[in-house]
Each structure stands twice: as structure tokens, then as C-alpha cells.
Amino acid sequence: MIKNFYAVTPDLVENIHDGEGVVKVSTVFDTFTTKMQFLHYTVLPPGTSIGVHKHGNDEEFYIVLEGAGEMELDGVKHPVSPGDVIMNAPLGSHGLRNVSDTDDLRILVFEVKQ
């Protein structure tokens, strides 16, 4: 199956995981035959964030496509930029903030259950 994530109509999610602002989340896929849970194309406008949160026994990956951000992993903040792949470990805390005043932060997010 082929799907273009730019063609998927996004949901506008306000204060995602108690973050700031409205984030655009496009669900590209959410039905799998494996332990994969979802694939989202997500756009964080300037000043918005995905709040710090924890998942259960799964791994969640963020792939930075465009923009500049700050990723918090287990209480430690890290700058992120295009090409960075972030693995959020099972039971670990994580959150992401767009640190730009002008540019969107564009990411792909997918989650795999153990």
C-alpha cells in the first residue's frame, strides 16, 4: 500500500499531552499485521509542543524532517534538527517543543509495542 502523508487531512489537536498550542496530526496508517501501532505525520507550528509524557511497554520513534526543536528525554533536554531519529524507550518520559519563532517543526512518529 502507498499513501502520501501530505495528502492526509490532519486532526488539529490542542494541548497534546498537556503541551502548548494546536498541533496538526495526520494519521497515515493505524492498522497493521505486526506490533506497529501507528504512523503519524505531525506538524508543530512555532511555539507549540507535545507535552512531556510516558507510554507503557512500547517504543516510540520521532523522525525530524524539517525545523528545529528541543526533545526532552527522561528529564534531559536535547536540540534536534532534520535527520535526527529519536527513540523513546519503554516507560521513559519524553516531550518535544518547536523552538523556532518562524518555522514549523515537521516529524514522523511511529510506535511499536513489545
PDB file of N, CA and C in Angstrom:
ATOM      1  N   MET A   1       0.847  -1.173   0.000  1.00  0.00           N
ATOM      2  CA  MET A   1       0.000   0.000   0.000  1.00  0.00           C
ATOM      3  C   MET A   1       0.891   1.235   0.000  1.00  0.00           C
ATOM      4  N   ILE A   2       0.484   2.241  -0.748  1.00  0.00           N
ATOM      5  CA  ILE A   2       1.211   3.506  -0.820  1.00  0.00           C
ATOM      6  C   ILE A   2       0.259   4.618  -0.402  1.00  0.00           C
ATOM      7  N   LYS A   3       0.743   5.491   0.471  1.00  0.00           N
ATOM      8  CA  LYS A   3      -0.046   6.626   0.926  1.00  0.00           C
ATOM      9  C   LYS A   3       0.881   7.831   1.017  1.00  0.00           C
ATOM     10  N   ASN A   4       0.433   8.975   0.566  1.00  0.00           N
ATOM     11  CA  ASN A   4       1.207  10.210   0.657  1.00  0.00           C
ATOM     12  C   ASN A   4       0.771  10.960   1.902  1.00  0.00           C
ATOM     13  N   PHE A   5       1.671  11.123   2.869  1.00  0.00           N
ATOM     14  CA  PHE A   5       1.255  11.748   4.130  1.00  0.00           C
ATOM     15  C   PHE A   5       0.880  13.208   3.965  1.00  0.00           C
ATOM     16  N   TYR A   6       1.357  13.875   2.910  1.00  0.00           N
ATOM     17  CA  TYR A   6       0.940  15.261   2.665  1.00  0.00           C
ATOM     18  C   TYR A   6      -0.534  15.343   2.257  1.00  0.00           C
ATOM     19  N   ALA A   7      -1.074  14.245   1.724  1.00  0.00           N
ATOM     20  CA  ALA A   7      -2.459  14.232   1.249  1.00  0.00           C
ATOM     21  C   ALA A   7      -3.470  13.874   2.333  1.00  0.00           C
ATOM     22  N   VAL A   8      -3.001  13.474   3.516  1.00  0.00           N
ATOM     23  CA  VAL A   8      -3.893  13.084   4.612  1.00  0.00           C
ATOM     24  C   VAL A   8      -4.348  14.346   5.363  1.00  0.00           C
ATOM     25  N   THR A   9      -5.651  14.482   5.548  1.00  0.00           N
ATOM     26  CA  THR A   9      -6.189  15.633   6.276  1.00  0.00           C
ATOM     27  C   THR A   9      -5.823  15.526   7.756  1.00  0.00           C
ATOM     28  N   PRO A  10      -5.155  16.562   8.294  1.00  0.00           N
ATOM     29  CA  PRO A  10      -4.723  16.465   9.693  1.00  0.00           C
ATOM     30  C   PRO A  10      -5.856  16.739  10.682  1.00  0.00           C
ATOM     31  N   ASP A  11      -5.733  16.120  11.855  1.00  0.00           N
ATOM     32  CA  ASP A  11      -6.556  16.495  13.003  1.00  0.00           C
ATOM     33  C   ASP A  11      -5.826  17.629  13.711  1.00  0.00           C
ATOM     34  N   LEU A  12      -6.567  18.606  14.177  1.00  0.00           N
ATOM     35  CA  LEU A  12      -5.978  19.705  14.948  1.00  0.00           C
ATOM     36  C   LEU A  12      -6.121  19.345  16.418  1.00  0.00           C
ATOM     37  N   VAL A  13      -4.991  19.066  17.061  1.00  0.00           N
ATOM     38  CA  VAL A  13      -5.002  18.575  18.439  1.00  0.00           C
ATOM     39  C   VAL A  13      -4.482  19.673  19.355  1.00  0.00           C
ATOM     40  N   GLU A  14      -5.356  20.133  20.236  1.00  0.00           N
ATOM     41  CA  GLU A  14      -4.991  21.199  21.162  1.00  0.00           C
ATOM     42  C   GLU A  14      -4.382  20.613  22.429  1.00  0.00           C
ATOM     43  N   ASN A  15      -3.268  21.198  22.850  1.00  0.00           N
ATOM     44  CA  ASN A  15      -2.591  20.822  24.100  1.00  0.00           C
ATOM     45  C   ASN A  15      -2.320  19.322  24.177  1.00  0.00           C
ATOM     46  N   ILE A  16      -1.724  18.759  23.130  1.00  0.00           N
ATOM     47  CA  ILE A  16      -1.446  17.325  23.082  1.00  0.00           C
ATOM     48  C   ILE A  16      -0.516  16.934  24.243  1.00  0.00           C
ATOM     49  N   HIS A  17      -0.918  15.953  25.026  1.00  0.00           N
ATOM     50  CA  HIS A  17      -0.178  15.512  26.218  1.00  0.00           C
ATOM     51  C   HIS A  17       0.155  16.701  27.127  1.00  0.00           C
ATOM     52  N   ASP A  18      -0.795  17.618  27.272  1.00  0.00           N
ATOM     53  CA  ASP A  18      -0.628  18.831  28.091  1.00  0.00           C
ATOM     54  C   ASP A  18       0.463  19.754  27.561  1.00  0.00           C
ATOM     55  N   GLY A  19       0.717  19.688  26.263  1.00  0.00           N
ATOM     56  CA  GLY A  19       1.662  20.607  25.638  1.00  0.00           C
ATOM     57  C   GLY A  19       0.992  21.936  25.346  1.00  0.00           C
ATOM     58  N   GLU A  20       1.668  22.773  24.575  1.00  0.00           N
ATOM     59  CA  GLU A  20       1.177  24.117  24.267  1.00  0.00           C
ATOM     60  C   GLU A  20       0.708  24.214  22.822  1.00  0.00           C
ATOM     61  N   GLY A  21      -0.417  24.913  22.618  1.00  0.00           N
ATOM     62  CA  GLY A  21      -0.886  25.229  21.287  1.00  0.00           C
ATOM     63  C   GLY A  21      -1.580  24.091  20.568  1.00  0.00           C
ATOM     64  N   VAL A  22      -1.799  24.323  19.268  1.00  0.00           N
ATOM     65  CA  VAL A  22      -2.505  23.366  18.409  1.00  0.00           C
ATOM     66  C   VAL A  22      -1.503  22.721  17.457  1.00  0.00           C
ATOM     67  N   VAL A  23      -1.424  21.385  17.512  1.00  0.00           N
ATOM     68  CA  VAL A  23      -0.524  20.594  16.683  1.00  0.00           C
ATOM     69  C   VAL A  23      -1.356  19.862  15.633  1.00  0.00           C
ATOM     70  N   LYS A  24      -0.828  19.763  14.423  1.00  0.00           N
ATOM     71  CA  LYS A  24      -1.517  19.070  13.336  1.00  0.00           C
ATOM     72  C   LYS A  24      -1.010  17.633  13.255  1.00  0.00           C
ATOM     73  N   VAL A  25      -1.917  16.669  13.416  1.00  0.00           N
ATOM     74  CA  VAL A  25      -1.550  15.253  13.411  1.00  0.00           C
ATOM     75  C   VAL A  25      -2.304  14.537  12.297  1.00  0.00           C
ATOM     76  N   SER A  26      -1.562  14.023  11.332  1.00  0.00           N
ATOM     77  CA  SER A  26      -2.145  13.251  10.236  1.00  0.00           C
ATOM     78  C   SER A  26      -1.852  11.775  10.471  1.00  0.00           C
ATOM     79  N   THR A  27      -2.898  10.977  10.650  1.00  0.00           N
ATOM     80  CA  THR A  27      -2.721   9.536  10.825  1.00  0.00           C
ATOM     81  C   THR A  27      -2.558   8.916   9.444  1.00  0.00           C
ATOM     82  N   VAL A  28      -1.340   8.492   9.148  1.00  0.00           N
ATOM     83  CA  VAL A  28      -1.040   7.923   7.845  1.00  0.00           C
ATOM     84  C   VAL A  28      -1.501   6.466   7.806  1.00  0.00           C
ATOM     85  N   PHE A  29      -1.119   5.712   8.832  1.00  0.00           N
ATOM     86  CA  PHE A  29      -1.562   4.322   8.980  1.00  0.00           C
ATOM     87  C   PHE A  29      -1.853   4.054  10.448  1.00  0.00           C
ATOM     88  N   ASP A  30      -2.859   3.226  10.709  1.00  0.00           N
ATOM     89  CA  ASP A  30      -3.140   2.814  12.087  1.00  0.00           C
ATOM     90  C   ASP A  30      -3.639   1.370  12.178  1.00  0.00           C
ATOM     91  N   THR A  31      -3.516   0.626  11.084  1.00  0.00           N
ATOM     92  CA  THR A  31      -3.881  -0.792  11.069  1.00  0.00           C
ATOM     93  C   THR A  31      -2.705  -1.575  10.499  1.00  0.00           C
ATOM     94  N   PHE A  32      -2.214  -2.536  11.286  1.00  0.00           N
ATOM     95  CA  PHE A  32      -1.033  -3.290  10.907  1.00  0.00           C
ATOM     96  C   PHE A  32      -1.229  -4.766  11.231  1.00  0.00           C
ATOM     97  N   THR A  33      -0.425  -5.605  10.622  1.00  0.00           N
ATOM     98  CA  THR A  33      -0.424  -7.030  10.962  1.00  0.00           C
ATOM     99  C   THR A  33       0.713  -7.350  11.925  1.00  0.00           C
ATOM    100  N   THR A  34       1.527  -6.360  12.253  1.00  0.00           N
ATOM    101  CA  THR A  34       2.651  -6.512  13.182  1.00  0.00           C
ATOM    102  C   THR A  34       2.322  -5.770  14.484  1.00  0.00           C
ATOM    103  N   LYS A  35       3.317  -5.565  15.320  1.00  0.00           N
ATOM    104  CA  LYS A  35       3.125  -4.863  16.589  1.00  0.00           C
ATOM    105  C   LYS A  35       3.217  -3.347  16.453  1.00  0.00           C
ATOM    106  N   MET A  36       3.337  -2.867  15.234  1.00  0.00           N
ATOM    107  CA  MET A  36       3.329  -1.431  14.999  1.00  0.00           C
ATOM    108  C   MET A  36       1.938  -0.902  15.334  1.00  0.00           C
ATOM    109  N   GLN A  37       1.877   0.264  15.971  1.00  0.00           N
ATOM    110  CA  GLN A  37       0.603   0.816  16.432  1.00  0.00           C
ATOM    111  C   GLN A  37       0.063   1.925  15.534  1.00  0.00           C
ATOM    112  N   PHE A  38       0.955   2.820  15.083  1.00  0.00           N
ATOM    113  CA  PHE A  38       0.514   3.930  14.229  1.00  0.00           C
ATOM    114  C   PHE A  38       1.709   4.559  13.535  1.00  0.00           C
ATOM    115  N   LEU A  39       1.420   5.311  12.478  1.00  0.00           N
ATOM    116  CA  LEU A  39       2.384   6.178  11.820  1.00  0.00           C
ATOM    117  C   LEU A  39       1.694   7.511  11.622  1.00  0.00           C
ATOM    118  N   HIS A  40       2.249   8.564  12.227  1.00  0.00           N
ATOM    119  CA  HIS A  40       1.685   9.906  12.137  1.00  0.00           C
ATOM    120  C   HIS A  40       2.682  10.850  11.475  1.00  0.00           C
ATOM    121  N   TYR A  41       2.160  11.734  10.644  1.00  0.00           N
ATOM    122  CA  TYR A  41       2.911  12.898  10.169  1.00  0.00           C
ATOM    123  C   TYR A  41       2.406  14.045  11.014  1.00  0.00           C
ATOM    124  N   THR A  42       3.300  14.696  11.744  1.00  0.00           N
ATOM    125  CA  THR A  42       2.905  15.703  12.725  1.00  0.00           C
ATOM    126  C   THR A  42       3.617  17.016  12.448  1.00  0.00           C
ATOM    127  N   VAL A  43       2.862  18.115  12.509  1.00  0.00           N
ATOM    128  CA  VAL A  43       3.413  19.450  12.300  1.00  0.00           C
ATOM    129  C   VAL A  43       3.195  20.264  13.568  1.00  0.00           C
ATOM    130  N   LEU A  44       4.302  20.752  14.141  1.00  0.00           N
ATOM    131  CA  LEU A  44       4.252  21.628  15.310  1.00  0.00           C
ATOM    132  C   LEU A  44       4.570  23.044  14.841  1.00  0.00           C
ATOM    133  N   PRO A  45       3.576  23.940  14.804  1.00  0.00           N
ATOM    134  CA  PRO A  45       3.854  25.329  14.444  1.00  0.00           C
ATOM    135  C   PRO A  45       4.780  25.981  15.473  1.00  0.00           C
ATOM    136  N   PRO A  46       5.364  27.136  15.145  1.00  0.00           N
ATOM    137  CA  PRO A  46       6.251  27.812  16.089  1.00  0.00           C
ATOM    138  C   PRO A  46       5.608  27.981  17.468  1.00  0.00           C
ATOM    139  N   GLY A  47       6.386  27.682  18.509  1.00  0.00           N
ATOM    140  CA  GLY A  47       5.934  27.863  19.881  1.00  0.00           C
ATOM    141  C   GLY A  47       5.061  26.767  20.443  1.00  0.00           C
ATOM    142  N   THR A  48       4.746  25.737  19.658  1.00  0.00           N
ATOM    143  CA  THR A  48       3.894  24.658  20.157  1.00  0.00           C
ATOM    144  C   THR A  48       4.743  23.502  20.672  1.00  0.00           C
ATOM    145  N   SER A  49       4.077  22.583  21.378  1.00  0.00           N
ATOM    146  CA  SER A  49       4.817  21.449  21.924  1.00  0.00           C
ATOM    147  C   SER A  49       3.919  20.235  22.113  1.00  0.00           C
ATOM    148  N   ILE A  50       4.573  19.089  22.179  1.00  0.00           N
ATOM    149  CA  ILE A  50       3.966  17.845  22.651  1.00  0.00           C
ATOM    150  C   ILE A  50       4.463  17.720  24.085  1.00  0.00           C
ATOM    151  N   GLY A  51       3.559  17.761  25.049  1.00  0.00           N
ATOM    152  CA  GLY A  51       3.957  17.767  26.453  1.00  0.00           C
ATOM    153  C   GLY A  51       4.702  16.511  26.870  1.00  0.00           C
ATOM    154  N   VAL A  52       5.480  16.643  27.932  1.00  0.00           N
ATOM    155  CA  VAL A  52       6.233  15.509  28.460  1.00  0.00           C
ATOM    156  C   VAL A  52       5.238  14.480  28.988  1.00  0.00           C
ATOM    157  N   HIS A  53       5.432  13.235  28.568  1.00  0.00           N
ATOM    158  CA  HIS A  53       4.516  12.154  28.940  1.00  0.00           C
ATOM    159  C   HIS A  53       5.257  10.826  28.884  1.00  0.00           C
ATOM    160  N   LYS A  54       4.624   9.777  29.373  1.00  0.00           N
ATOM    161  CA  LYS A  54       5.177   8.419  29.340  1.00  0.00           C
ATOM    162  C   LYS A  54       4.207   7.492  28.621  1.00  0.00           C
ATOM    163  N   HIS A  55       4.758   6.473  28.017  1.00  0.00           N
ATOM    164  CA  HIS A  55       3.974   5.404  27.429  1.00  0.00           C
ATOM    165  C   HIS A  55       4.193   4.144  28.254  1.00  0.00           C
ATOM    166  N   GLY A  56       3.522   3.102  27.876  1.00  0.00           N
ATOM    167  CA  GLY A  56       3.702   1.814  28.537  1.00  0.00           C
ATOM    168  C   GLY A  56       4.894   1.077  27.976  1.00  0.00           C
ATOM    169  N   ASN A  57       4.713  -0.190  27.774  1.00  0.00           N
ATOM    170  CA  ASN A  57       5.784  -1.062  27.324  1.00  0.00           C
ATOM    171  C   ASN A  57       5.870  -1.051  25.796  1.00  0.00           C
ATOM    172  N   ASP A  58       6.301   0.083  25.247  1.00  0.00           N
ATOM    173  CA  ASP A  58       6.444   0.220  23.805  1.00  0.00           C
ATOM    174  C   ASP A  58       7.609   1.150  23.499  1.00  0.00           C
ATOM    175  N   GLU A  59       7.974   1.200  22.236  1.00  0.00           N
ATOM    176  CA  GLU A  59       8.986   2.142  21.782  1.00  0.00           C
ATOM    177  C   GLU A  59       8.317   3.081  20.786  1.00  0.00           C
ATOM    178  N   GLU A  60       8.582   4.365  20.950  1.00  0.00           N
ATOM    179  CA  GLU A  60       8.021   5.370  20.049  1.00  0.00           C
ATOM    180  C   GLU A  60       9.183   6.127  19.424  1.00  0.00           C
ATOM    181  N   PHE A  61       9.127   6.301  18.113  1.00  0.00           N
ATOM    182  CA  PHE A  61      10.203   6.956  17.379  1.00  0.00           C
ATOM    183  C   PHE A  61       9.705   8.263  16.778  1.00  0.00           C
ATOM    184  N   TYR A  62      10.526   9.311  16.875  1.00  0.00           N
ATOM    185  CA  TYR A  62      10.277  10.588  16.228  1.00  0.00           C
ATOM    186  C   TYR A  62      11.390  10.770  15.198  1.00  0.00           C
ATOM    187  N   ILE A  63      11.017  11.090  13.963  1.00  0.00           N
ATOM    188  CA  ILE A  63      11.977  11.368  12.903  1.00  0.00           C
ATOM    189  C   ILE A  63      11.775  12.818  12.480  1.00  0.00           C
ATOM    190  N   VAL A  64      12.803  13.632  12.663  1.00  0.00           N
ATOM    191  CA  VAL A  64      12.702  15.062  12.349  1.00  0.00           C
ATOM    192  C   VAL A  64      12.953  15.252  10.861  1.00  0.00           C
ATOM    193  N   LEU A  65      11.944  15.836  10.187  1.00  0.00           N
ATOM    194  CA  LEU A  65      12.036  16.088   8.748  1.00  0.00           C
ATOM    195  C   LEU A  65      12.467  17.517   8.450  1.00  0.00           C
ATOM    196  N   GLU A  66      11.867  18.475   9.161  1.00  0.00           N
ATOM    197  CA  GLU A  66      12.155  19.901   8.945  1.00  0.00           C
ATOM    198  C   GLU A  66      12.009  20.643  10.260  1.00  0.00           C
ATOM    199  N   GLY A  67      12.775  21.715  10.402  1.00  0.00           N
ATOM    200  CA  GLY A  67      12.623  22.587  11.553  1.00  0.00           C
ATOM    201  C   GLY A  67      13.626  22.297  12.662  1.00  0.00           C
ATOM    202  N   ALA A  68      13.458  23.029  13.762  1.00  0.00           N
ATOM    203  CA  ALA A  68      14.348  22.902  14.920  1.00  0.00           C
ATOM    204  C   ALA A  68      13.500  22.703  16.163  1.00  0.00           C
ATOM    205  N   GLY A  69      13.955  21.795  17.022  1.00  0.00           N
ATOM    206  CA  GLY A  69      13.186  21.519  18.221  1.00  0.00           C
ATOM    207  C   GLY A  69      14.064  21.222  19.412  1.00  0.00           C
ATOM    208  N   GLU A  70      13.386  21.018  20.520  1.00  0.00           N
ATOM    209  CA  GLU A  70      14.041  20.601  21.753  1.00  0.00           C
ATOM    210  C   GLU A  70      13.290  19.390  22.274  1.00  0.00           C
ATOM    211  N   MET A  71      13.992  18.257  22.336  1.00  0.00           N
ATOM    212  CA  MET A  71      13.412  16.991  22.778  1.00  0.00           C
ATOM    213  C   MET A  71      13.834  16.741  24.210  1.00  0.00           C
ATOM    214  N   GLU A  72      12.859  16.473  25.069  1.00  0.00           N
ATOM    215  CA  GLU A  72      13.170  16.111  26.442  1.00  0.00           C
ATOM    216  C   GLU A  72      13.015  14.604  26.600  1.00  0.00           C
ATOM    217  N   LEU A  73      14.106  13.959  27.003  1.00  0.00           N
ATOM    218  CA  LEU A  73      14.113  12.514  27.236  1.00  0.00           C
ATOM    219  C   LEU A  73      14.506  12.260  28.682  1.00  0.00           C
ATOM    220  N   ASP A  74      13.588  11.714  29.456  1.00  0.00           N
ATOM    221  CA  ASP A  74      13.858  11.398  30.863  1.00  0.00           C
ATOM    222  C   ASP A  74      14.484  12.576  31.604  1.00  0.00           C
ATOM    223  N   GLY A  75      13.923  13.768  31.382  1.00  0.00           N
ATOM    224  CA  GLY A  75      14.343  14.954  32.117  1.00  0.00           C
ATOM    225  C   GLY A  75      15.525  15.706  31.535  1.00  0.00           C
ATOM    226  N   VAL A  76      16.138  15.200  30.466  1.00  0.00           N
ATOM    227  CA  VAL A  76      17.283  15.859  29.843  1.00  0.00           C
ATOM    228  C   VAL A  76      16.851  16.426  28.488  1.00  0.00           C
ATOM    229  N   LYS A  77      17.141  17.727  28.255  1.00  0.00           N
ATOM    230  CA  LYS A  77      16.747  18.388  27.013  1.00  0.00           C
ATOM    231  C   LYS A  77      17.870  18.302  25.978  1.00  0.00           C
ATOM    232  N   HIS A  78      17.465  18.015  24.722  1.00  0.00           N
ATOM    233  CA  HIS A  78      18.410  17.846  23.619  1.00  0.00           C
ATOM    234  C   HIS A  78      17.916  18.648  22.419  1.00  0.00           C
ATOM    235  N   PRO A  79      18.808  19.404  21.741  1.00  0.00           N
ATOM    236  CA  PRO A  79      18.390  20.045  20.486  1.00  0.00           C
ATOM    237  C   PRO A  79      18.223  18.976  19.409  1.00  0.00           C
ATOM    238  N   VAL A  80      17.205  19.146  18.549  1.00  0.00           N
ATOM    239  CA  VAL A  80      17.000  18.227  17.432  1.00  0.00           C
ATOM    240  C   VAL A  80      16.809  19.016  16.150  1.00  0.00           C
ATOM    241  N   SER A  81      17.228  18.398  15.036  1.00  0.00           N
ATOM    242  CA  SER A  81      17.162  19.054  13.733  1.00  0.00           C
ATOM    243  C   SER A  81      16.922  17.994  12.661  1.00  0.00           C
ATOM    244  N   PRO A  82      16.702  18.410  11.410  1.00  0.00           N
ATOM    245  CA  PRO A  82      16.399  17.455  10.347  1.00  0.00           C
ATOM    246  C   PRO A  82      17.423  16.320  10.263  1.00  0.00           C
ATOM    247  N   GLY A  83      16.895  15.109  10.142  1.00  0.00           N
ATOM    248  CA  GLY A  83      17.719  13.916  10.069  1.00  0.00           C
ATOM    249  C   GLY A  83      17.832  13.184  11.393  1.00  0.00           C
ATOM    250  N   ASP A  84      17.497  13.853  12.497  1.00  0.00           N
ATOM    251  CA  ASP A  84      17.567  13.201  13.802  1.00  0.00           C
ATOM    252  C   ASP A  84      16.441  12.188  13.967  1.00  0.00           C
ATOM    253  N   VAL A  85      16.785  11.033  14.533  1.00  0.00           N
ATOM    254  CA  VAL A  85      15.815   9.998  14.864  1.00  0.00           C
ATOM    255  C   VAL A  85      15.897   9.788  16.366  1.00  0.00           C
ATOM    256  N   ILE A  86      14.769   9.969  17.041  1.00  0.00           N
ATOM    257  CA  ILE A  86      14.711   9.871  18.494  1.00  0.00           C
ATOM    258  C   ILE A  86      13.965   8.604  18.870  1.00  0.00           C
ATOM    259  N   MET A  87      14.582   7.757  19.699  1.00  0.00           N
ATOM    260  CA  MET A  87      13.911   6.563  20.199  1.00  0.00           C
ATOM    261  C   MET A  87      13.509   6.817  21.643  1.00  0.00           C
ATOM    262  N   ASN A  88      12.217   6.790  21.889  1.00  0.00           N
ATOM    263  CA  ASN A  88      11.677   6.932  23.230  1.00  0.00           C
ATOM    264  C   ASN A  88      11.503   5.530  23.792  1.00  0.00           C
ATOM    265  N   ALA A  89      12.295   5.220  24.800  1.00  0.00           N
ATOM    266  CA  ALA A  89      12.339   3.869  25.359  1.00  0.00           C
ATOM    267  C   ALA A  89      11.056   3.527  26.114  1.00  0.00           C
ATOM    268  N   PRO A  90      10.770   2.231  26.253  1.00  0.00           N
ATOM    269  CA  PRO A  90       9.609   1.819  27.048  1.00  0.00           C
ATOM    270  C   PRO A  90       9.656   2.432  28.449  1.00  0.00           C
ATOM    271  N   LEU A  91       8.522   2.958  28.878  1.00  0.00           N
ATOM    272  CA  LEU A  91       8.331   3.548  30.200  1.00  0.00           C
ATOM    273  C   LEU A  91       9.119   4.833  30.423  1.00  0.00           C
ATOM    274  N   GLY A  92       9.819   5.333  29.385  1.00  0.00           N
ATOM    275  CA  GLY A  92      10.574   6.578  29.513  1.00  0.00           C
ATOM    276  C   GLY A  92       9.698   7.789  29.278  1.00  0.00           C
ATOM    277  N   SER A  93      10.105   8.930  29.827  1.00  0.00           N
ATOM    278  CA  SER A  93       9.349  10.167  29.608  1.00  0.00           C
ATOM    279  C   SER A  93       9.966  10.938  28.441  1.00  0.00           C
ATOM    280  N   HIS A  94       9.102  11.634  27.699  1.00  0.00           N
ATOM    281  CA  HIS A  94       9.562  12.390  26.545  1.00  0.00           C
ATOM    282  C   HIS A  94       8.554  13.464  26.168  1.00  0.00           C
ATOM    283  N   GLY A  95       9.060  14.513  25.543  1.00  0.00           N
ATOM    284  CA  GLY A  95       8.239  15.605  25.032  1.00  0.00           C
ATOM    285  C   GLY A  95       9.045  16.366  24.000  1.00  0.00           C
ATOM    286  N   LEU A  96       8.374  17.133  23.149  1.00  0.00           N
ATOM    287  CA  LEU A  96       9.041  17.852  22.065  1.00  0.00           C
ATOM    288  C   LEU A  96       8.461  19.249  21.940  1.00  0.00           C
ATOM    289  N   ARG A  97       9.346  20.234  21.768  1.00  0.00           N
ATOM    290  CA  ARG A  97       8.940  21.636  21.611  1.00  0.00           C
ATOM    291  C   ARG A  97       9.564  22.196  20.336  1.00  0.00           C
ATOM    292  N   ASN A  98       8.760  22.961  19.580  1.00  0.00           N
ATOM    293  CA  ASN A  98       9.283  23.715  18.444  1.00  0.00           C
ATOM    294  C   ASN A  98       9.905  24.988  19.010  1.00  0.00           C
ATOM    295  N   VAL A  99      11.199  25.169  18.797  1.00  0.00           N
ATOM    296  CA  VAL A  99      11.903  26.318  19.372  1.00  0.00           C
ATOM    297  C   VAL A  99      12.018  27.485  18.394  1.00  0.00           C
ATOM    298  N   SER A 100      11.495  27.327  17.194  1.00  0.00           N
ATOM    299  CA  SER A 100      11.581  28.383  16.187  1.00  0.00           C
ATOM    300  C   SER A 100      10.476  29.420  16.380  1.00  0.00           C
ATOM    301  N   ASP A 101      10.793  30.659  16.015  1.00  0.00           N
ATOM    302  CA  ASP A 101       9.787  31.732  16.015  1.00  0.00           C
ATOM    303  C   ASP A 101       9.060  31.826  14.682  1.00  0.00           C
ATOM    304  N   THR A 102       9.602  31.149  13.644  1.00  0.00           N
ATOM    305  CA  THR A 102       9.051  31.331  12.301  1.00  0.00           C
ATOM    306  C   THR A 102       8.736  30.044  11.544  1.00  0.00           C
ATOM    307  N   ASP A 103       9.426  28.943  11.845  1.00  0.00           N
ATOM    308  CA  ASP A 103       9.309  27.734  11.020  1.00  0.00           C
ATOM    309  C   ASP A 103       8.590  26.606  11.739  1.00  0.00           C
ATOM    310  N   ASP A 104       7.800  25.847  10.982  1.00  0.00           N
ATOM    311  CA  ASP A 104       7.164  24.639  11.512  1.00  0.00           C
ATOM    312  C   ASP A 104       8.223  23.583  11.797  1.00  0.00           C
ATOM    313  N   LEU A 105       7.933  22.732  12.757  1.00  0.00           N
ATOM    314  CA  LEU A 105       8.722  21.533  13.033  1.00  0.00           C
ATOM    315  C   LEU A 105       7.908  20.364  12.507  1.00  0.00           C
ATOM    316  N   ARG A 106       8.439  19.637  11.537  1.00  0.00           N
ATOM    317  CA  ARG A 106       7.719  18.543  10.880  1.00  0.00           C
ATOM    318  C   ARG A 106       8.401  17.219  11.221  1.00  0.00           C
ATOM    319  N   ILE A 107       7.587  16.265  11.708  1.00  0.00           N
ATOM    320  CA  ILE A 107       8.140  14.986  12.145  1.00  0.00           C
ATOM    321  C   ILE A 107       7.252  13.826  11.694  1.00  0.00           C
ATOM    322  N   LEU A 108       7.849  12.651  11.631  1.00  0.00           N
ATOM    323  CA  LEU A 108       7.103  11.400  11.526  1.00  0.00           C
ATOM    324  C   LEU A 108       7.211  10.719  12.884  1.00  0.00           C
ATOM    325  N   VAL A 109       6.109  10.136  13.338  1.00  0.00           N
ATOM    326  CA  VAL A 109       6.081   9.448  14.633  1.00  0.00           C
ATOM    327  C   VAL A 109       5.484   8.065  14.420  1.00  0.00           C
ATOM    328  N   PHE A 110       6.168   7.044  14.951  1.00  0.00           N
ATOM    329  CA  PHE A 110       5.570   5.726  14.930  1.00  0.00           C
ATOM    330  C   PHE A 110       5.878   5.003  16.230  1.00  0.00           C
ATOM    331  N   GLU A 111       4.989   4.078  16.568  1.00  0.00           N
ATOM    332  CA  GLU A 111       5.086   3.361  17.839  1.00  0.00           C
ATOM    333  C   GLU A 111       4.986   1.864  17.595  1.00  0.00           C
ATOM    334  N   VAL A 112       5.835   1.117  18.324  1.00  0.00           N
ATOM    335  CA  VAL A 112       5.842  -0.339  18.224  1.00  0.00           C
ATOM    336  C   VAL A 112       5.689  -0.918  19.629  1.00  0.00           C
ATOM    337  N   LYS A 113       4.710  -1.792  19.788  1.00  0.00           N
ATOM    338  CA  LYS A 113       4.509  -2.485  21.059  1.00  0.00           C
ATOM    339  C   LYS A 113       5.524  -3.603  21.195  1.00  0.00           C
ATOM    340  N   GLN A 114       5.917  -3.907  22.432  1.00  0.00           N
ATOM    341  CA  GLN A 114       6.837  -5.030  22.642  1.00  0.00           C
ATOM    342  C   GLN A 114       6.083  -6.328  22.707  1.00  0.00           C
TER     343      GLN A 114
END
